[in-house]
Amino acid sequence: MLKVLHEKKGVQLILGLVIGILFGFLLQKGGVTSYSIIISQLLLKDFTVVKIMLAAVITGTLGVHLLKSLGLAELHPKPGSVGTSVIGGLIFGVGFATLGYCPGTIAGAVGQGSLDALLGGVVGILLGAGIFASLYPKLQSAVLIKGDFGELTLPKLLKVNPWVVVLPVVILLTGLLLLMEKFGI
């Protein structure tokens, strides 16, 4: 079924739009499109964002690896490096610290009518992407290739079945989420 979907680009676009709208709706309902909640997270006063992210990571990790194990999906990890992680982290961090939104929450906040997300966030994403694209050739040869680790994943590094890593990580994250709920964090 998924291989058939892979060949139908128009259906993929429609499905992506529908899932994106649903994702934005759920972000909004979870409260993470609210500037005050995001700022409270950054000030370590409200952990709503962390809880939603933990739930998403748990669900996504189990879902992706289950689909892979059933032969319904293939994983294609992108090559990485220390340089790409540092540059990406800096770009993300500066934008997040400046505006108080990440790219996903910007989209959700724009959908709920937040002008700061539209004017600051969308414009910032477009400007940042443009600047990065114009600097990319210089960054590629000077910074982005530093510390190249290719398509390395933890299961590949440890030479184990992915579930040997996935299950303990999911259990650990679930435990953390439950502890946060229990102690009202």
N, C-alpha and C. Protein backbone atom coordinates (compact mmCIF):
# COMPACT_ATOMS: atom_id res chain seq x y z
N MET A 1 0.81 -1.20 0.00
CA MET A 1 0.00 0.00 0.00
C MET A 1 0.86 1.27 0.00
N LEU A 2 1.89 1.33 0.85
CA LEU A 2 2.72 2.52 0.92
C LEU A 2 3.57 2.69 -0.33
N LYS A 3 3.95 1.58 -0.99
CA LYS A 3 4.72 1.69 -2.23
C LYS A 3 3.87 2.31 -3.33
N VAL A 4 2.58 1.96 -3.35
CA VAL A 4 1.66 2.56 -4.32
C VAL A 4 1.53 4.05 -4.04
N LEU A 5 1.41 4.42 -2.78
CA LEU A 5 1.31 5.82 -2.39
C LEU A 5 2.57 6.58 -2.79
N HIS A 6 3.72 5.92 -2.68
CA HIS A 6 5.00 6.55 -3.02
C HIS A 6 5.03 6.99 -4.48
N GLU A 7 4.33 6.29 -5.33
CA GLU A 7 4.33 6.60 -6.77
C GLU A 7 3.33 7.69 -7.13
N LYS A 8 2.41 8.02 -6.25
CA LYS A 8 1.36 9.00 -6.55
C LYS A 8 1.68 10.32 -5.85
N LYS A 9 2.40 11.18 -6.55
CA LYS A 9 2.87 12.44 -5.95
C LYS A 9 1.71 13.37 -5.58
N GLY A 10 0.66 13.43 -6.40
CA GLY A 10 -0.48 14.29 -6.08
C GLY A 10 -1.17 13.87 -4.80
N VAL A 11 -1.33 12.57 -4.62
CA VAL A 11 -1.96 12.05 -3.41
C VAL A 11 -1.07 12.35 -2.21
N GLN A 12 0.24 12.24 -2.40
CA GLN A 12 1.16 12.56 -1.31
C GLN A 12 1.01 14.02 -0.87
N LEU A 13 0.88 14.93 -1.84
CA LEU A 13 0.73 16.35 -1.51
C LEU A 13 -0.56 16.60 -0.73
N ILE A 14 -1.65 16.00 -1.17
CA ILE A 14 -2.93 16.17 -0.48
C ILE A 14 -2.86 15.57 0.92
N LEU A 15 -2.29 14.37 1.01
CA LEU A 15 -2.14 13.71 2.31
C LEU A 15 -1.26 14.55 3.24
N GLY A 16 -0.17 15.11 2.69
CA GLY A 16 0.71 15.97 3.48
C GLY A 16 0.00 17.21 3.98
N LEU A 17 -0.84 17.81 3.13
CA LEU A 17 -1.61 18.99 3.54
C LEU A 17 -2.58 18.64 4.65
N VAL A 18 -3.30 17.54 4.50
CA VAL A 18 -4.28 17.13 5.51
C VAL A 18 -3.59 16.81 6.84
N ILE A 19 -2.49 16.06 6.77
CA ILE A 19 -1.76 15.71 7.99
C ILE A 19 -1.16 16.97 8.62
N GLY A 20 -0.66 17.89 7.79
CA GLY A 20 -0.11 19.15 8.31
C GLY A 20 -1.15 19.99 9.03
N ILE A 21 -2.36 20.06 8.46
CA ILE A 21 -3.44 20.79 9.12
C ILE A 21 -3.81 20.13 10.44
N LEU A 22 -3.90 18.80 10.43
CA LEU A 22 -4.20 18.06 11.66
C LEU A 22 -3.09 18.29 12.70
N PHE A 23 -1.84 18.25 12.26
CA PHE A 23 -0.71 18.47 13.15
C PHE A 23 -0.79 19.87 13.79
N GLY A 24 -1.05 20.88 12.96
CA GLY A 24 -1.17 22.24 13.47
C GLY A 24 -2.33 22.38 14.45
N PHE A 25 -3.45 21.73 14.12
CA PHE A 25 -4.61 21.75 15.00
C PHE A 25 -4.26 21.14 16.37
N LEU A 26 -3.57 20.00 16.34
CA LEU A 26 -3.20 19.34 17.60
C LEU A 26 -2.18 20.16 18.39
N LEU A 27 -1.24 20.80 17.69
CA LEU A 27 -0.30 21.69 18.39
C LEU A 27 -1.05 22.82 19.07
N GLN A 28 -2.02 23.38 18.35
CA GLN A 28 -2.81 24.49 18.92
C GLN A 28 -3.62 24.01 20.11
N LYS A 29 -4.26 22.87 19.99
CA LYS A 29 -5.06 22.33 21.09
C LYS A 29 -4.18 21.97 22.28
N GLY A 30 -2.94 21.55 22.02
CA GLY A 30 -2.01 21.23 23.10
C GLY A 30 -1.45 22.47 23.78
N GLY A 31 -1.66 23.62 23.17
CA GLY A 31 -1.21 24.88 23.77
C GLY A 31 0.17 25.34 23.36
N VAL A 32 0.85 24.57 22.52
CA VAL A 32 2.24 24.92 22.21
C VAL A 32 2.38 25.93 21.08
N THR A 33 1.26 26.47 20.60
CA THR A 33 1.36 27.59 19.65
C THR A 33 1.23 28.91 20.40
N SER A 34 1.12 28.85 21.70
CA SER A 34 1.00 30.03 22.53
C SER A 34 2.38 30.54 22.93
N TYR A 35 2.65 31.77 22.58
CA TYR A 35 3.93 32.39 22.90
C TYR A 35 4.23 32.28 24.39
N SER A 36 3.23 32.53 25.23
CA SER A 36 3.47 32.52 26.68
C SER A 36 3.86 31.13 27.18
N ILE A 37 3.27 30.08 26.61
CA ILE A 37 3.63 28.72 27.02
C ILE A 37 5.05 28.38 26.58
N ILE A 38 5.41 28.80 25.37
CA ILE A 38 6.77 28.51 24.88
C ILE A 38 7.80 29.27 25.71
N ILE A 39 7.54 30.53 25.99
CA ILE A 39 8.47 31.31 26.81
C ILE A 39 8.55 30.72 28.22
N SER A 40 7.42 30.29 28.77
CA SER A 40 7.43 29.65 30.09
C SER A 40 8.26 28.36 30.06
N GLN A 41 8.24 27.65 28.94
CA GLN A 41 9.07 26.45 28.80
C GLN A 41 10.54 26.85 28.82
N LEU A 42 10.89 27.88 28.06
CA LEU A 42 12.28 28.33 28.02
C LEU A 42 12.76 28.82 29.38
N LEU A 43 11.84 29.33 30.19
CA LEU A 43 12.17 29.79 31.54
C LEU A 43 12.05 28.67 32.59
N LEU A 44 11.76 27.45 32.11
CA LEU A 44 11.62 26.25 32.95
C LEU A 44 10.49 26.39 33.97
N LYS A 45 9.39 27.04 33.55
CA LYS A 45 8.24 27.22 34.43
C LYS A 45 7.04 26.37 34.00
N ASP A 46 6.96 26.01 32.71
CA ASP A 46 5.84 25.25 32.18
C ASP A 46 6.41 24.22 31.22
N PHE A 47 6.18 22.94 31.49
CA PHE A 47 6.80 21.88 30.71
C PHE A 47 5.83 21.23 29.71
N THR A 48 4.81 21.98 29.31
CA THR A 48 3.85 21.48 28.32
C THR A 48 4.55 21.08 27.03
N VAL A 49 5.47 21.92 26.56
CA VAL A 49 6.17 21.65 25.30
C VAL A 49 6.98 20.36 25.40
N VAL A 50 7.71 20.18 26.49
CA VAL A 50 8.51 18.97 26.65
C VAL A 50 7.62 17.73 26.68
N LYS A 51 6.50 17.82 27.38
CA LYS A 51 5.59 16.67 27.47
C LYS A 51 5.03 16.30 26.10
N ILE A 52 4.64 17.30 25.33
CA ILE A 52 4.12 17.02 23.99
C ILE A 52 5.21 16.45 23.10
N MET A 53 6.42 16.99 23.20
CA MET A 53 7.52 16.48 22.40
C MET A 53 7.88 15.04 22.80
N LEU A 54 7.89 14.76 24.09
CA LEU A 54 8.17 13.39 24.53
C LEU A 54 7.12 12.42 23.99
N ALA A 55 5.86 12.80 24.08
CA ALA A 55 4.79 11.94 23.55
C ALA A 55 4.94 11.74 22.05
N ALA A 56 5.32 12.80 21.33
CA ALA A 56 5.51 12.70 19.88
C ALA A 56 6.70 11.81 19.53
N VAL A 57 7.79 11.95 20.27
CA VAL A 57 8.98 11.13 20.01
C VAL A 57 8.68 9.65 20.29
N ILE A 58 7.99 9.39 21.37
CA ILE A 58 7.62 8.00 21.72
C ILE A 58 6.74 7.41 20.62
N THR A 59 5.69 8.13 20.26
CA THR A 59 4.76 7.64 19.24
C THR A 59 5.45 7.48 17.90
N GLY A 60 6.21 8.48 17.49
CA GLY A 60 6.89 8.43 16.20
C GLY A 60 7.93 7.32 16.13
N THR A 61 8.70 7.16 17.20
CA THR A 61 9.73 6.12 17.23
C THR A 61 9.10 4.74 17.09
N LEU A 62 8.07 4.48 17.88
CA LEU A 62 7.40 3.18 17.79
C LEU A 62 6.74 2.99 16.42
N GLY A 63 6.06 4.02 15.93
CA GLY A 63 5.37 3.91 14.65
C GLY A 63 6.30 3.67 13.49
N VAL A 64 7.35 4.45 13.40
CA VAL A 64 8.30 4.31 12.29
C VAL A 64 8.98 2.94 12.31
N HIS A 65 9.42 2.52 13.48
CA HIS A 65 10.12 1.23 13.55
C HIS A 65 9.17 0.05 13.36
N LEU A 66 7.92 0.20 13.77
CA LEU A 66 6.94 -0.85 13.52
C LEU A 66 6.68 -0.96 12.02
N LEU A 67 6.47 0.17 11.36
CA LEU A 67 6.27 0.14 9.90
C LEU A 67 7.47 -0.47 9.19
N LYS A 68 8.67 -0.11 9.63
CA LYS A 68 9.89 -0.67 9.04
C LYS A 68 9.96 -2.18 9.26
N SER A 69 9.67 -2.61 10.47
CA SER A 69 9.73 -4.04 10.80
C SER A 69 8.71 -4.85 10.00
N LEU A 70 7.57 -4.24 9.69
CA LEU A 70 6.53 -4.92 8.92
C LEU A 70 6.78 -4.83 7.41
N GLY A 71 7.86 -4.16 7.03
CA GLY A 71 8.18 -4.02 5.61
C GLY A 71 7.31 -3.00 4.89
N LEU A 72 6.64 -2.14 5.64
CA LEU A 72 5.75 -1.14 5.04
C LEU A 72 6.45 0.19 4.80
N ALA A 73 7.64 0.35 5.32
CA ALA A 73 8.39 1.59 5.13
C ALA A 73 9.88 1.29 5.15
N GLU A 74 10.63 2.18 4.54
CA GLU A 74 12.08 2.09 4.55
C GLU A 74 12.62 3.37 5.17
N LEU A 75 13.68 3.24 5.93
CA LEU A 75 14.31 4.42 6.52
C LEU A 75 15.49 4.83 5.65
N HIS A 76 15.62 6.11 5.46
CA HIS A 76 16.73 6.66 4.68
C HIS A 76 17.36 7.80 5.48
N PRO A 77 18.16 7.45 6.51
CA PRO A 77 18.76 8.51 7.30
C PRO A 77 19.67 9.38 6.45
N LYS A 78 19.63 10.66 6.68
CA LYS A 78 20.48 11.59 5.96
C LYS A 78 21.86 11.61 6.61
N PRO A 79 22.88 11.77 5.79
CA PRO A 79 24.23 11.85 6.36
C PRO A 79 24.34 13.08 7.27
N GLY A 80 25.13 12.96 8.28
CA GLY A 80 25.28 14.06 9.23
C GLY A 80 26.73 14.33 9.55
N SER A 81 26.94 15.40 10.26
CA SER A 81 28.28 15.76 10.71
C SER A 81 28.15 16.67 11.92
N VAL A 82 29.24 16.82 12.62
CA VAL A 82 29.25 17.75 13.75
C VAL A 82 28.99 19.17 13.22
N GLY A 83 29.59 19.51 12.08
CA GLY A 83 29.42 20.84 11.50
C GLY A 83 27.97 21.15 11.17
N THR A 84 27.25 20.20 10.55
CA THR A 84 25.84 20.45 10.22
C THR A 84 25.00 20.55 11.48
N SER A 85 25.32 19.76 12.48
CA SER A 85 24.57 19.81 13.74
C SER A 85 24.77 21.14 14.46
N VAL A 86 25.99 21.63 14.47
CA VAL A 86 26.28 22.90 15.14
C VAL A 86 25.61 24.05 14.41
N ILE A 87 25.78 24.12 13.09
CA ILE A 87 25.18 25.22 12.31
C ILE A 87 23.66 25.15 12.42
N GLY A 88 23.08 23.97 12.24
CA GLY A 88 21.63 23.81 12.35
C GLY A 88 21.13 24.19 13.73
N GLY A 89 21.84 23.77 14.76
CA GLY A 89 21.46 24.10 16.13
C GLY A 89 21.53 25.59 16.40
N LEU A 90 22.55 26.25 15.86
CA LEU A 90 22.68 27.70 16.05
C LEU A 90 21.55 28.45 15.35
N ILE A 91 21.26 28.06 14.11
CA ILE A 91 20.18 28.73 13.37
C ILE A 91 18.85 28.53 14.10
N PHE A 92 18.57 27.29 14.48
CA PHE A 92 17.33 26.98 15.19
C PHE A 92 17.28 27.74 16.52
N GLY A 93 18.37 27.68 17.27
CA GLY A 93 18.42 28.30 18.59
C GLY A 93 18.24 29.80 18.56
N VAL A 94 18.90 30.47 17.61
CA VAL A 94 18.76 31.92 17.50
C VAL A 94 17.32 32.29 17.16
N GLY A 95 16.73 31.58 16.20
CA GLY A 95 15.34 31.85 15.84
C GLY A 95 14.39 31.58 16.99
N PHE A 96 14.59 30.47 17.67
CA PHE A 96 13.72 30.08 18.78
C PHE A 96 13.84 31.07 19.93
N ALA A 97 15.07 31.44 20.26
CA ALA A 97 15.28 32.37 21.38
C ALA A 97 14.78 33.77 21.04
N THR A 98 14.91 34.17 19.79
CA THR A 98 14.49 35.51 19.38
C THR A 98 12.98 35.64 19.35
N LEU A 99 12.31 34.66 18.77
CA LEU A 99 10.87 34.78 18.53
C LEU A 99 10.02 33.98 19.51
N GLY A 100 10.59 32.90 20.05
CA GLY A 100 9.80 32.08 20.97
C GLY A 100 8.97 31.03 20.27
N TYR A 101 9.29 30.73 19.03
CA TYR A 101 8.59 29.69 18.28
C TYR A 101 9.61 28.82 17.58
N CYS A 102 9.26 27.55 17.36
CA CYS A 102 10.04 26.70 16.47
C CYS A 102 9.24 26.61 15.16
N PRO A 103 9.81 26.04 14.10
CA PRO A 103 9.09 26.03 12.82
C PRO A 103 7.69 25.41 12.89
N GLY A 104 7.53 24.33 13.62
CA GLY A 104 6.21 23.71 13.72
C GLY A 104 5.21 24.57 14.45
N THR A 105 5.65 25.18 15.54
CA THR A 105 4.73 26.02 16.29
C THR A 105 4.45 27.33 15.57
N ILE A 106 5.39 27.78 14.72
CA ILE A 106 5.12 28.97 13.91
C ILE A 106 3.94 28.69 12.99
N ALA A 107 3.98 27.54 12.31
CA ALA A 107 2.89 27.19 11.38
C ALA A 107 1.56 27.13 12.13
N GLY A 108 1.54 26.49 13.30
CA GLY A 108 0.32 26.40 14.08
C GLY A 108 -0.16 27.76 14.56
N ALA A 109 0.79 28.61 14.98
CA ALA A 109 0.44 29.94 15.47
C ALA A 109 -0.09 30.81 14.32
N VAL A 110 0.49 30.69 13.13
CA VAL A 110 -0.03 31.42 11.97
C VAL A 110 -1.45 30.96 11.69
N GLY A 111 -1.69 29.65 11.78
CA GLY A 111 -3.03 29.11 11.55
C GLY A 111 -4.06 29.63 12.54
N GLN A 112 -3.63 29.98 13.74
CA GLN A 112 -4.58 30.52 14.73
C GLN A 112 -4.64 32.04 14.68
N GLY A 113 -3.87 32.65 13.75
CA GLY A 113 -3.97 34.09 13.54
C GLY A 113 -2.96 34.95 14.27
N SER A 114 -1.88 34.37 14.78
CA SER A 114 -0.87 35.15 15.50
C SER A 114 0.02 35.91 14.51
N LEU A 115 -0.10 37.23 14.53
CA LEU A 115 0.67 38.06 13.59
C LEU A 115 2.17 38.01 13.86
N ASP A 116 2.57 37.87 15.13
CA ASP A 116 4.00 37.79 15.42
C ASP A 116 4.62 36.57 14.77
N ALA A 117 3.88 35.47 14.73
CA ALA A 117 4.39 34.27 14.08
C ALA A 117 4.44 34.45 12.57
N LEU A 118 3.44 35.12 12.02
CA LEU A 118 3.41 35.34 10.57
C LEU A 118 4.52 36.28 10.15
N LEU A 119 4.57 37.45 10.77
CA LEU A 119 5.54 38.47 10.34
C LEU A 119 6.96 38.14 10.80
N GLY A 120 7.11 37.76 12.05
CA GLY A 120 8.45 37.44 12.54
C GLY A 120 8.89 36.04 12.14
N GLY A 121 7.99 35.08 12.29
CA GLY A 121 8.35 33.68 12.07
C GLY A 121 8.51 33.30 10.62
N VAL A 122 7.48 33.52 9.83
CA VAL A 122 7.53 33.12 8.42
C VAL A 122 8.57 33.95 7.68
N VAL A 123 8.58 35.26 7.93
CA VAL A 123 9.59 36.11 7.30
C VAL A 123 10.99 35.68 7.76
N GLY A 124 11.14 35.38 9.04
CA GLY A 124 12.43 34.93 9.56
C GLY A 124 12.89 33.62 8.94
N ILE A 125 11.96 32.68 8.77
CA ILE A 125 12.30 31.40 8.14
C ILE A 125 12.76 31.64 6.71
N LEU A 126 12.01 32.47 5.98
CA LEU A 126 12.38 32.73 4.58
C LEU A 126 13.72 33.45 4.48
N LEU A 127 13.94 34.45 5.31
CA LEU A 127 15.23 35.15 5.31
C LEU A 127 16.37 34.22 5.71
N GLY A 128 16.15 33.46 6.78
CA GLY A 128 17.18 32.53 7.24
C GLY A 128 17.51 31.48 6.19
N ALA A 129 16.49 30.95 5.54
CA ALA A 129 16.73 29.96 4.48
C ALA A 129 17.48 30.58 3.32
N GLY A 130 17.12 31.81 2.98
CA GLY A 130 17.81 32.50 1.88
C GLY A 130 19.27 32.77 2.20
N ILE A 131 19.53 33.24 3.41
CA ILE A 131 20.91 33.51 3.83
C ILE A 131 21.71 32.22 3.85
N PHE A 132 21.12 31.15 4.42
CA PHE A 132 21.82 29.87 4.46
C PHE A 132 22.10 29.37 3.05
N ALA A 133 21.12 29.47 2.15
CA ALA A 133 21.31 29.00 0.78
C ALA A 133 22.42 29.78 0.07
N SER A 134 22.48 31.09 0.32
CA SER A 134 23.53 31.88 -0.33
C SER A 134 24.91 31.57 0.24
N LEU A 135 24.98 31.22 1.52
CA LEU A 135 26.27 30.89 2.15
C LEU A 135 26.64 29.42 2.03
N TYR A 136 25.70 28.60 1.57
CA TYR A 136 25.89 27.15 1.56
C TYR A 136 27.19 26.70 0.88
N PRO A 137 27.51 27.21 -0.32
CA PRO A 137 28.76 26.72 -0.95
C PRO A 137 29.99 26.93 -0.08
N LYS A 138 30.08 28.08 0.57
CA LYS A 138 31.22 28.36 1.44
C LYS A 138 31.16 27.51 2.71
N LEU A 139 29.96 27.40 3.29
CA LEU A 139 29.79 26.60 4.51
C LEU A 139 30.07 25.12 4.25
N GLN A 140 29.66 24.62 3.08
CA GLN A 140 29.82 23.20 2.76
C GLN A 140 31.28 22.79 2.84
N SER A 141 32.14 23.57 2.22
CA SER A 141 33.55 23.17 2.19
C SER A 141 34.30 23.54 3.46
N ALA A 142 33.82 24.54 4.19
CA ALA A 142 34.56 25.01 5.36
C ALA A 142 34.07 24.44 6.69
N VAL A 143 32.75 24.24 6.82
CA VAL A 143 32.21 23.90 8.13
C VAL A 143 31.35 22.63 8.12
N LEU A 144 30.45 22.54 7.17
CA LEU A 144 29.43 21.49 7.22
C LEU A 144 29.99 20.08 7.12
N ILE A 145 31.13 19.90 6.51
CA ILE A 145 31.69 18.55 6.38
C ILE A 145 32.56 18.14 7.57
N LYS A 146 32.79 19.07 8.48
CA LYS A 146 33.63 18.78 9.65
C LYS A 146 32.97 17.73 10.54
N GLY A 147 33.72 16.73 10.92
CA GLY A 147 33.21 15.69 11.82
C GLY A 147 32.15 14.82 11.17
N ASP A 148 32.31 14.52 9.88
CA ASP A 148 31.32 13.73 9.14
C ASP A 148 31.13 12.35 9.77
N PHE A 149 29.87 11.99 10.05
CA PHE A 149 29.59 10.64 10.55
C PHE A 149 28.62 9.89 9.64
N GLY A 150 28.38 10.41 8.46
CA GLY A 150 27.58 9.70 7.46
C GLY A 150 26.17 9.39 7.93
N GLU A 151 25.68 8.23 7.54
CA GLU A 151 24.31 7.81 7.88
C GLU A 151 24.28 6.97 9.15
N LEU A 152 25.15 7.27 10.07
CA LEU A 152 25.27 6.49 11.31
C LEU A 152 24.04 6.66 12.20
N THR A 153 23.55 5.54 12.69
CA THR A 153 22.47 5.54 13.67
C THR A 153 22.96 4.76 14.89
N LEU A 154 22.29 4.87 16.01
CA LEU A 154 22.72 4.13 17.21
C LEU A 154 22.72 2.61 16.97
N PRO A 155 21.68 2.03 16.36
CA PRO A 155 21.74 0.59 16.10
C PRO A 155 22.91 0.19 15.20
N LYS A 156 23.22 1.02 14.20
CA LYS A 156 24.38 0.72 13.34
C LYS A 156 25.67 0.82 14.13
N LEU A 157 25.77 1.86 14.96
CA LEU A 157 26.97 2.05 15.76
C LEU A 157 27.18 0.88 16.71
N LEU A 158 26.10 0.42 17.34
CA LEU A 158 26.18 -0.68 18.31
C LEU A 158 26.11 -2.05 17.65
N LYS A 159 25.80 -2.07 16.33
CA LYS A 159 25.67 -3.31 15.57
C LYS A 159 24.63 -4.25 16.18
N VAL A 160 23.44 -3.68 16.43
CA VAL A 160 22.35 -4.44 17.02
C VAL A 160 21.07 -4.20 16.23
N ASN A 161 20.09 -5.05 16.46
CA ASN A 161 18.76 -4.86 15.89
C ASN A 161 18.22 -3.53 16.42
N PRO A 162 17.56 -2.71 15.57
CA PRO A 162 17.06 -1.42 16.03
C PRO A 162 16.19 -1.49 17.28
N TRP A 163 15.42 -2.57 17.44
CA TRP A 163 14.54 -2.68 18.61
C TRP A 163 15.31 -2.76 19.92
N VAL A 164 16.58 -3.18 19.86
CA VAL A 164 17.41 -3.24 21.06
C VAL A 164 17.68 -1.83 21.59
N VAL A 165 17.65 -0.86 20.70
CA VAL A 165 17.81 0.54 21.09
C VAL A 165 16.45 1.19 21.31
N VAL A 166 15.51 0.92 20.40
CA VAL A 166 14.20 1.59 20.43
C VAL A 166 13.45 1.31 21.73
N LEU A 167 13.33 0.06 22.12
CA LEU A 167 12.53 -0.28 23.31
C LEU A 167 13.06 0.36 24.60
N PRO A 168 14.37 0.26 24.89
CA PRO A 168 14.83 0.93 26.12
C PRO A 168 14.66 2.46 26.07
N VAL A 169 14.87 3.06 24.90
CA VAL A 169 14.70 4.51 24.78
C VAL A 169 13.24 4.88 25.00
N VAL A 170 12.33 4.13 24.40
CA VAL A 170 10.89 4.40 24.58
C VAL A 170 10.49 4.21 26.04
N ILE A 171 10.98 3.17 26.67
CA ILE A 171 10.67 2.93 28.09
C ILE A 171 11.22 4.07 28.95
N LEU A 172 12.44 4.50 28.67
CA LEU A 172 13.05 5.60 29.42
C LEU A 172 12.25 6.90 29.24
N LEU A 173 11.90 7.21 28.00
CA LEU A 173 11.15 8.45 27.75
C LEU A 173 9.75 8.39 28.35
N THR A 174 9.12 7.22 28.28
CA THR A 174 7.79 7.05 28.89
C THR A 174 7.88 7.23 30.40
N GLY A 175 8.92 6.65 31.00
CA GLY A 175 9.13 6.83 32.44
C GLY A 175 9.33 8.29 32.81
N LEU A 176 10.11 8.99 32.01
CA LEU A 176 10.34 10.41 32.25
C LEU A 176 9.02 11.19 32.15
N LEU A 177 8.24 10.89 31.14
CA LEU A 177 6.95 11.55 30.96
C LEU A 177 6.02 11.28 32.14
N LEU A 178 5.97 10.04 32.58
CA LEU A 178 5.12 9.68 33.72
C LEU A 178 5.59 10.36 35.01
N LEU A 179 6.90 10.44 35.21
CA LEU A 179 7.44 11.13 36.39
C LEU A 179 7.08 12.62 36.37
N MET A 180 7.17 13.22 35.20
CA MET A 180 6.82 14.63 35.08
C MET A 180 5.35 14.84 35.42
N GLU A 181 4.51 13.95 34.97
CA GLU A 181 3.08 14.05 35.27
C GLU A 181 2.82 13.83 36.76
N LYS A 182 3.49 12.82 37.33
CA LYS A 182 3.28 12.48 38.75
C LYS A 182 3.66 13.64 39.66
N PHE A 183 4.76 14.32 39.34
CA PHE A 183 5.22 15.40 40.19
C PHE A 183 4.72 16.77 39.74
N GLY A 184 3.82 16.78 38.78
CA GLY A 184 3.21 18.03 38.34
C GLY A 184 4.16 18.99 37.67
N ILE A 185 5.15 18.46 37.04
CA ILE A 185 6.13 19.31 36.33
C ILE A 185 5.61 19.65 34.97
